[in-house]
Amino acid sequence: MDNKALIQGAEHRIQQIRLSLQKKGIDCLLINHLPTIRYLTNFSGSYATVCITSKKVLFLTNDLYAEQIQHQLFKVKGLSTYITRDPYAFIAKEGLLDDAKTIGFESDKMSYATTLQLRKLLAPIKLVKANGIAQEVTISKTEEEINLIRKAAYITTEVFNHIITLVKPGITEADLATEIVYQGRKRGAEKESFDIIVVSGHRSAMPHGRATDKKLQNGDMITFDFGFYVEGFASDMTRSVMVGKANKEQKAVYTLIADCVEAANAYAKPGISGKELDAIAREKIVAAGYGDYFQHSLGHGLGIEVHESPAISWRNEKGLIPENAVITIEPGIYLPGKFGVRIEDDIVVHANGIELLTKATKELLEL
């Protein structure tokens, strides 16, 4: 990791936030969303508040992290750190934001009770909603950030290549999920991107099902959906495989989904909307008669969070995919009581084409 480059990237993001605040007439942005705080400051703890003004970056955490921040925080320009167990009361008491007339906060990431507390403590400063300002700067990735996602995707691919050697009748979904966790950590992952999905047989028709003690049987379609974090950046990959031989319907659905992934990957480019890209796969699935069984969006942005902007969705007509965005492509068909198939890739949308990060095979494996 090039720490200097990451610090410069963080300072650039902070400056982008300041420009956005200036355009909206907001004097300060208050952030308590931990993934965003990690992105801007490198802090990986579980308790922090950050305030960004035109010249200052205020970082507040409690005494449990006093030593950690000495070694971990990016030393960005204008940074001041404070140790407190009540950050909002501390800000008010010390007058840290008294020169602000308006403070933006993320109402979609802050509880109503906390909002009321802020209004009371910081009065007469006006609180205004500033949703999305911090998240907008995360969409287009730097090369250093892309490289961390590459590493996470590589670990994910390697774990998948290992886990398929264990697939056989009699092993449980939970056994496989546990092995995925172990193999990811063994290869250097910081943590899992989300609760690992391992679903088999009729349970594979559950898009977000969790691993149980169900034993694999011949004829089961099994879906693995998992990813890992590397230094704050996530991967997210899905593959469906067979236990034993696939029947005619399983083969047909799998082939359709694989074709949809390839078509969407080939079409992806900067400047198109999430809706336009979603339609590339969705129209194929509808034409094949399975439109009612593809209930979710085609994909999403990927980075400091597993699900971030841009949404690759029929609902996202205006949100354009920028150059160097990292997105997922994950069409799926889920037939209740039978089986489900999903294939998910992570790709970087470059100006001259996409870069495939998740390189595990998309051939139908009959194990």
Protein backbone atom coordinates (compact mmCIF):
# COMPACT_ATOMS: atom_id res chain seq x y z
CA MET A 1 0.00 0.00 0.00
CA ASP A 2 1.29 3.47 -0.91
CA ASN A 3 0.32 5.35 2.26
CA LYS A 4 1.31 8.73 0.80
CA ALA A 5 -0.96 8.19 -2.19
CA LEU A 6 -3.85 7.15 0.06
CA ILE A 7 -3.41 10.29 2.18
CA GLN A 8 -3.38 12.45 -0.94
CA GLY A 9 -6.51 10.63 -2.09
CA ALA A 10 -8.22 11.33 1.23
CA GLU A 11 -7.31 15.02 1.04
CA HIS A 12 -8.72 15.15 -2.49
CA ARG A 13 -11.99 13.57 -1.30
CA ILE A 14 -12.23 16.00 1.59
CA GLN A 15 -11.74 18.88 -0.83
CA GLN A 16 -14.50 17.49 -3.05
CA ILE A 17 -16.81 17.43 -0.03
CA ARG A 18 -15.90 21.05 0.75
CA LEU A 19 -16.72 22.13 -2.80
CA SER A 20 -20.09 20.36 -2.56
CA LEU A 21 -20.81 22.03 0.79
CA GLN A 22 -19.93 25.41 -0.65
CA LYS A 23 -22.33 24.93 -3.55
CA LYS A 24 -25.13 24.03 -1.15
CA GLY A 25 -24.38 26.85 1.28
CA ILE A 26 -23.48 24.51 4.14
CA ASP A 27 -20.64 25.44 6.51
CA CYS A 28 -19.86 22.02 7.95
CA LEU A 29 -20.59 18.35 7.32
CA LEU A 30 -20.98 16.14 10.40
CA ILE A 31 -20.28 12.45 9.72
CA ASN A 32 -20.87 9.53 12.06
CA HIS A 33 -21.11 6.77 9.41
CA LEU A 34 -18.12 4.55 10.16
CA PRO A 35 -17.37 3.30 6.59
CA THR A 36 -17.17 6.92 5.40
CA ILE A 37 -14.99 7.84 8.36
CA ARG A 38 -12.68 4.91 7.52
CA TYR A 39 -12.52 6.12 3.91
CA LEU A 40 -11.60 9.69 4.81
CA THR A 41 -9.37 9.12 7.84
CA ASN A 42 -8.27 5.44 7.83
CA PHE A 43 -9.80 4.95 11.30
CA SER A 44 -11.07 1.37 11.68
CA GLY A 45 -12.59 1.61 15.16
CA SER A 46 -16.25 1.46 16.09
CA TYR A 47 -16.77 4.93 17.61
CA ALA A 48 -16.01 8.25 15.97
CA THR A 49 -17.44 11.52 14.68
CA VAL A 50 -15.88 13.69 11.99
CA CYS A 51 -16.69 17.30 11.14
CA ILE A 52 -15.46 18.83 7.89
CA THR A 53 -15.44 22.63 7.50
CA SER A 54 -13.86 24.85 4.86
CA LYS A 55 -10.48 24.62 6.59
CA LYS A 56 -10.70 22.08 9.40
CA VAL A 57 -11.17 18.35 9.89
CA LEU A 58 -12.30 17.59 13.43
CA PHE A 59 -11.95 13.98 14.56
CA LEU A 60 -13.58 12.90 17.84
CA THR A 61 -13.39 9.48 19.46
CA ASN A 62 -13.28 8.03 22.96
CA ASP A 63 -10.33 7.08 25.15
CA LEU A 64 -10.41 3.44 24.03
CA TYR A 65 -8.93 4.57 20.73
CA ALA A 66 -6.49 7.21 22.00
CA GLU A 67 -3.46 5.07 21.18
CA GLN A 68 -4.87 3.65 17.94
CA ILE A 69 -5.43 7.02 16.30
CA GLN A 70 -1.82 8.02 16.90
CA HIS A 71 -0.74 5.31 14.48
CA GLN A 72 -3.71 4.95 12.16
CA LEU A 73 -5.18 8.33 11.23
CA PHE A 74 -4.25 9.92 7.94
CA LYS A 75 -2.44 13.16 8.79
CA VAL A 76 -4.57 15.28 6.46
CA LYS A 77 -4.30 19.06 6.40
CA GLY A 78 -6.27 20.85 9.11
CA LEU A 79 -6.75 17.73 11.24
CA SER A 80 -7.48 18.13 14.95
CA THR A 81 -8.24 15.18 17.23
CA TYR A 82 -10.26 15.14 20.44
CA ILE A 83 -10.89 12.43 23.04
CA THR A 84 -14.39 12.44 24.50
CA ARG A 85 -17.19 10.04 25.39
CA ASP A 86 -19.88 12.53 24.34
CA PRO A 87 -18.79 14.11 21.06
CA TYR A 88 -21.84 16.31 20.43
CA ALA A 89 -21.85 17.77 23.93
CA PHE A 90 -18.09 18.28 23.64
CA ILE A 91 -18.45 20.14 20.34
CA ALA A 92 -21.05 22.42 21.92
CA LYS A 93 -19.15 22.99 25.17
CA GLU A 94 -15.85 23.76 23.47
CA GLY A 95 -17.47 25.86 20.75
CA LEU A 96 -15.69 23.91 18.02
CA LEU A 97 -18.30 24.84 15.41
CA ASP A 98 -19.49 28.18 16.76
CA ASP A 99 -18.41 29.92 13.55
CA ALA A 100 -20.83 27.77 11.51
CA LYS A 101 -24.32 28.95 10.66
CA THR A 102 -25.43 25.68 9.06
CA ILE A 103 -24.30 22.11 9.72
CA GLY A 104 -25.14 19.32 7.34
CA PHE A 105 -25.91 15.87 8.68
CA GLU A 106 -26.76 12.53 7.09
CA SER A 107 -30.36 11.92 8.13
CA ASP A 108 -30.35 8.50 6.46
CA LYS A 109 -27.45 7.41 8.66
CA MET A 110 -28.38 9.09 11.94
CA SER A 111 -31.15 8.13 14.36
CA TYR A 112 -34.03 10.50 15.06
CA ALA A 113 -33.02 10.64 18.74
CA THR A 114 -29.49 11.69 17.82
CA THR A 115 -30.84 14.33 15.47
CA LEU A 116 -32.95 15.81 18.26
CA GLN A 117 -29.94 15.80 20.57
CA LEU A 118 -27.86 17.62 17.97
CA ARG A 119 -30.50 20.28 17.39
CA LYS A 120 -30.73 20.93 21.13
CA LEU A 121 -26.97 21.02 21.79
CA LEU A 122 -25.93 23.05 18.77
CA ALA A 123 -28.74 25.64 18.71
CA PRO A 124 -28.94 28.26 17.27
CA ILE A 125 -26.83 26.66 14.52
CA LYS A 126 -29.18 25.38 11.81
CA LEU A 127 -29.07 21.65 11.00
CA VAL A 128 -29.83 20.69 7.39
CA LYS A 129 -29.99 17.36 5.60
CA ALA A 130 -26.86 16.64 3.57
CA ASN A 131 -27.50 13.06 2.46
CA GLY A 132 -25.20 11.69 -0.21
CA ILE A 133 -22.53 14.40 -0.13
CA ALA A 134 -19.90 12.12 1.39
CA GLN A 135 -21.03 9.05 -0.57
CA GLU A 136 -20.82 10.80 -3.94
CA VAL A 137 -17.05 11.13 -3.65
CA THR A 138 -16.60 7.38 -3.15
CA ILE A 139 -17.97 6.31 -6.54
CA SER A 140 -14.95 6.87 -8.80
CA LYS A 141 -11.94 5.04 -7.37
CA THR A 142 -8.25 5.90 -7.40
CA GLU A 143 -5.75 3.32 -8.64
CA GLU A 144 -4.66 2.66 -5.06
CA GLU A 145 -8.26 1.98 -4.04
CA ILE A 146 -8.87 -0.25 -7.06
CA ASN A 147 -5.76 -2.22 -6.18
CA LEU A 148 -7.14 -2.98 -2.70
CA ILE A 149 -10.39 -4.24 -4.25
CA ARG A 150 -8.29 -6.33 -6.67
CA LYS A 151 -6.61 -7.94 -3.67
CA ALA A 152 -9.95 -8.60 -1.98
CA ALA A 153 -11.35 -10.10 -5.20
CA TYR A 154 -8.25 -12.26 -5.63
CA ILE A 155 -8.65 -13.68 -2.13
CA THR A 156 -12.33 -14.32 -2.84
CA THR A 157 -11.52 -16.16 -6.06
CA GLU A 158 -8.83 -18.26 -4.39
CA VAL A 159 -11.18 -19.22 -1.56
CA PHE A 160 -13.87 -20.23 -4.06
CA ASN A 161 -11.37 -22.37 -5.97
CA HIS A 162 -10.56 -24.13 -2.70
CA ILE A 163 -14.12 -24.48 -1.44
CA ILE A 164 -15.40 -26.27 -4.56
CA THR A 165 -12.96 -29.10 -3.83
CA LEU A 166 -14.97 -29.80 -0.67
CA VAL A 167 -18.40 -29.91 -2.30
CA LYS A 168 -19.88 -33.40 -2.03
CA PRO A 169 -23.05 -35.07 -0.77
CA GLY A 170 -23.25 -35.08 3.03
CA ILE A 171 -21.28 -31.93 3.82
CA THR A 172 -23.43 -29.16 5.31
CA GLU A 173 -23.92 -25.58 4.15
CA ALA A 174 -22.64 -24.44 7.55
CA ASP A 175 -19.46 -26.51 7.17
CA LEU A 176 -18.71 -24.79 3.87
CA ALA A 177 -19.51 -21.32 5.23
CA THR A 178 -17.17 -21.88 8.18
CA GLU A 179 -14.40 -22.99 5.85
CA ILE A 180 -14.89 -19.88 3.71
CA VAL A 181 -14.34 -17.66 6.75
CA TYR A 182 -11.21 -19.56 7.77
CA GLN A 183 -9.69 -19.60 4.28
CA GLY A 184 -10.33 -15.89 3.77
CA ARG A 185 -8.68 -14.88 7.04
CA LYS A 186 -5.82 -17.31 6.36
CA ARG A 187 -5.15 -15.50 3.09
CA GLY A 188 -5.01 -12.07 4.72
CA ALA A 189 -8.59 -10.78 4.66
CA GLU A 190 -9.49 -8.22 7.31
CA LYS A 191 -13.04 -9.56 7.68
CA GLU A 192 -15.94 -10.88 5.63
CA SER A 193 -17.84 -8.35 3.51
CA PHE A 194 -21.19 -9.61 4.86
CA ASP A 195 -22.76 -12.75 6.35
CA ILE A 196 -21.72 -15.53 4.00
CA ILE A 197 -24.46 -17.04 1.85
CA VAL A 198 -24.35 -20.78 1.19
CA VAL A 199 -27.72 -22.17 0.08
CA SER A 200 -28.43 -25.47 -1.63
CA GLY A 201 -31.28 -27.37 -3.29
CA HIS A 202 -34.64 -25.63 -2.95
CA ARG A 203 -32.98 -23.15 -0.54
CA SER A 204 -30.90 -21.75 -3.42
CA ALA A 205 -34.11 -20.00 -4.51
CA MET A 206 -33.59 -17.71 -1.49
CA PRO A 207 -31.44 -14.81 -2.78
CA HIS A 208 -30.16 -13.90 0.71
CA GLY A 209 -30.51 -17.19 2.55
CA ARG A 210 -28.00 -18.13 5.24
CA ALA A 211 -26.08 -21.34 5.69
CA THR A 212 -27.79 -24.01 7.80
CA ASP A 213 -27.06 -27.59 8.84
CA LYS A 214 -28.74 -28.82 5.64
CA LYS A 215 -26.62 -31.53 4.01
CA LEU A 216 -25.84 -31.34 0.31
CA GLN A 217 -27.48 -33.93 -1.92
CA ASN A 218 -26.96 -35.06 -5.47
CA GLY A 219 -28.99 -32.87 -7.80
CA ASP A 220 -28.67 -29.76 -5.60
CA MET A 221 -27.80 -26.42 -7.10
CA ILE A 222 -25.66 -24.62 -4.50
CA THR A 223 -25.06 -20.87 -4.47
CA PHE A 224 -22.06 -19.29 -2.80
CA ASP A 225 -22.15 -15.52 -2.25
CA PHE A 226 -19.31 -14.03 -0.23
CA GLY A 227 -16.51 -11.50 -0.20
CA PHE A 228 -13.80 -10.05 1.99
CA TYR A 229 -12.43 -6.71 3.12
CA VAL A 230 -8.80 -5.77 2.52
CA GLU A 231 -7.70 -2.55 4.24
CA GLY A 232 -11.23 -1.16 4.22
CA PHE A 233 -12.29 -2.14 0.68
CA ALA A 234 -14.67 -4.99 -0.13
CA SER A 235 -15.20 -7.68 -2.73
CA ASP A 236 -18.48 -9.47 -3.49
CA MET A 237 -18.71 -12.58 -5.68
CA THR A 238 -21.41 -15.17 -6.35
CA ARG A 239 -21.18 -18.50 -8.11
CA SER A 240 -23.70 -21.33 -8.41
CA VAL A 241 -22.47 -24.91 -8.87
CA MET A 242 -24.05 -28.35 -9.06
CA VAL A 243 -23.76 -31.27 -6.69
CA GLY A 244 -23.69 -34.08 -9.23
CA LYS A 245 -25.27 -33.70 -12.66
CA ALA A 246 -27.57 -30.84 -13.66
CA ASN A 247 -30.97 -31.55 -15.19
CA LYS A 248 -32.21 -29.87 -18.36
CA GLU A 249 -33.91 -26.95 -16.59
CA GLN A 250 -30.94 -26.27 -14.33
CA LYS A 251 -28.61 -26.20 -17.34
CA ALA A 252 -30.93 -23.87 -19.26
CA VAL A 253 -31.29 -21.37 -16.40
CA TYR A 254 -27.57 -21.44 -15.67
CA THR A 255 -26.67 -20.84 -19.31
CA LEU A 256 -29.11 -17.92 -19.48
CA ILE A 257 -27.63 -16.27 -16.37
CA ALA A 258 -24.06 -16.78 -17.59
CA ASP A 259 -25.00 -15.17 -20.93
CA CYS A 260 -26.56 -12.21 -19.09
CA VAL A 261 -23.39 -11.63 -17.08
CA GLU A 262 -21.21 -11.69 -20.18
CA ALA A 263 -23.55 -9.35 -22.07
CA ALA A 264 -23.68 -6.82 -19.22
CA ASN A 265 -19.92 -6.96 -18.67
CA ALA A 266 -19.36 -6.30 -22.37
CA TYR A 267 -21.81 -3.38 -22.43
CA ALA A 268 -20.60 -1.59 -19.30
CA LYS A 269 -18.85 1.73 -19.95
CA PRO A 270 -18.58 5.20 -18.41
CA GLY A 271 -21.52 7.52 -18.96
CA ILE A 272 -24.38 5.03 -19.13
CA SER A 273 -27.11 4.90 -16.50
CA GLY A 274 -27.74 2.12 -14.04
CA LYS A 275 -31.11 1.57 -15.70
CA GLU A 276 -29.55 1.15 -19.14
CA LEU A 277 -27.08 -1.46 -17.93
CA ASP A 278 -29.73 -3.29 -15.89
CA ALA A 279 -31.85 -3.60 -19.03
CA ILE A 280 -29.12 -5.52 -20.90
CA ALA A 281 -29.59 -8.51 -18.61
CA ARG A 282 -33.22 -8.00 -17.63
CA GLU A 283 -34.49 -8.02 -21.21
CA LYS A 284 -32.83 -11.38 -21.84
CA ILE A 285 -34.39 -12.88 -18.73
CA VAL A 286 -37.84 -11.49 -19.57
CA ALA A 287 -37.58 -12.76 -23.15
CA ALA A 288 -36.82 -16.26 -21.82
CA GLY A 289 -39.96 -16.18 -19.67
CA TYR A 290 -38.29 -15.75 -16.29
CA GLY A 291 -38.92 -12.03 -15.73
CA ASP A 292 -41.03 -12.64 -12.61
CA TYR A 293 -38.17 -14.60 -11.03
CA PHE A 294 -35.51 -11.89 -11.23
CA GLN A 295 -36.63 -9.69 -8.36
CA HIS A 296 -33.56 -7.58 -7.57
CA SER A 297 -31.37 -5.05 -9.35
CA LEU A 298 -28.57 -6.14 -11.65
CA GLY A 299 -25.84 -4.77 -9.39
CA HIS A 300 -24.41 -2.00 -7.26
CA GLY A 301 -21.32 0.02 -6.55
CA LEU A 302 -18.57 -1.57 -4.49
CA GLY A 303 -15.83 -0.08 -2.34
CA ILE A 304 -15.77 0.96 1.30
CA GLU A 305 -19.21 -0.62 1.56
CA VAL A 306 -20.54 -3.71 -0.14
CA HIS A 307 -23.54 -1.77 -1.43
CA GLU A 308 -22.87 1.79 -2.49
CA SER A 309 -23.63 4.06 -5.43
CA PRO A 310 -24.22 3.76 -8.30
CA ALA A 311 -27.23 1.47 -8.24
CA ILE A 312 -27.30 -0.75 -11.34
CA SER A 313 -31.07 -0.79 -11.31
CA TRP A 314 -34.15 -0.17 -13.43
CA ARG A 315 -34.96 2.52 -10.86
CA ASN A 316 -31.73 4.46 -11.49
CA GLU A 317 -32.39 6.39 -14.68
CA LYS A 318 -30.35 9.50 -13.84
CA GLY A 319 -27.36 8.08 -11.96
CA LEU A 320 -24.54 7.68 -14.48
CA ILE A 321 -21.63 5.28 -14.06
CA PRO A 322 -18.37 7.26 -13.98
CA GLU A 323 -14.95 6.16 -15.17
CA ASN A 324 -13.10 4.03 -12.59
CA ALA A 325 -16.27 3.03 -10.76
CA VAL A 326 -16.19 -0.50 -9.36
CA ILE A 327 -19.55 -2.24 -9.72
CA THR A 328 -21.09 -5.68 -9.47
CA ILE A 329 -23.02 -7.51 -12.17
CA GLU A 330 -25.26 -10.15 -10.56
CA PRO A 331 -28.33 -11.39 -12.43
CA GLY A 332 -30.26 -14.20 -10.81
CA ILE A 333 -33.29 -16.41 -11.33
CA TYR A 334 -35.04 -17.95 -8.32
CA LEU A 335 -37.64 -20.66 -8.82
CA PRO A 336 -39.50 -21.29 -5.52
CA GLY A 337 -39.44 -24.90 -4.38
CA LYS A 338 -36.90 -25.83 -7.06
CA PHE A 339 -33.59 -23.96 -7.21
CA GLY A 340 -31.95 -20.63 -7.90
CA VAL A 341 -28.96 -19.48 -9.92
CA ARG A 342 -26.93 -16.30 -9.48
CA ILE A 343 -23.56 -15.34 -10.93
CA GLU A 344 -21.88 -12.17 -9.72
CA ASP A 345 -18.75 -10.45 -10.99
CA ASP A 346 -16.89 -7.40 -9.71
CA ILE A 347 -15.69 -5.15 -12.53
CA VAL A 348 -13.86 -1.85 -12.91
CA VAL A 349 -15.40 0.44 -15.53
CA HIS A 350 -12.41 1.92 -17.35
CA ALA A 351 -12.58 4.35 -20.27
CA ASN A 352 -11.32 1.66 -22.66
CA GLY A 353 -13.39 -1.24 -21.34
CA ILE A 354 -13.99 -3.20 -18.17
CA GLU A 355 -11.50 -4.99 -15.96
CA LEU A 356 -12.76 -8.25 -14.51
CA LEU A 357 -11.71 -8.64 -10.87
CA THR A 358 -13.49 -11.88 -9.93
CA LYS A 359 -11.85 -14.46 -12.17
CA ALA A 360 -13.40 -17.67 -10.90
CA THR A 361 -14.83 -19.77 -13.70
CA LYS A 362 -18.38 -19.15 -14.87
CA GLU A 363 -18.65 -22.57 -16.51
CA LEU A 364 -21.30 -24.80 -14.93
CA LEU A 365 -19.40 -26.99 -12.50
CA GLU A 366 -20.92 -30.42 -11.84
CA LEU A 367 -19.08 -31.61 -8.75
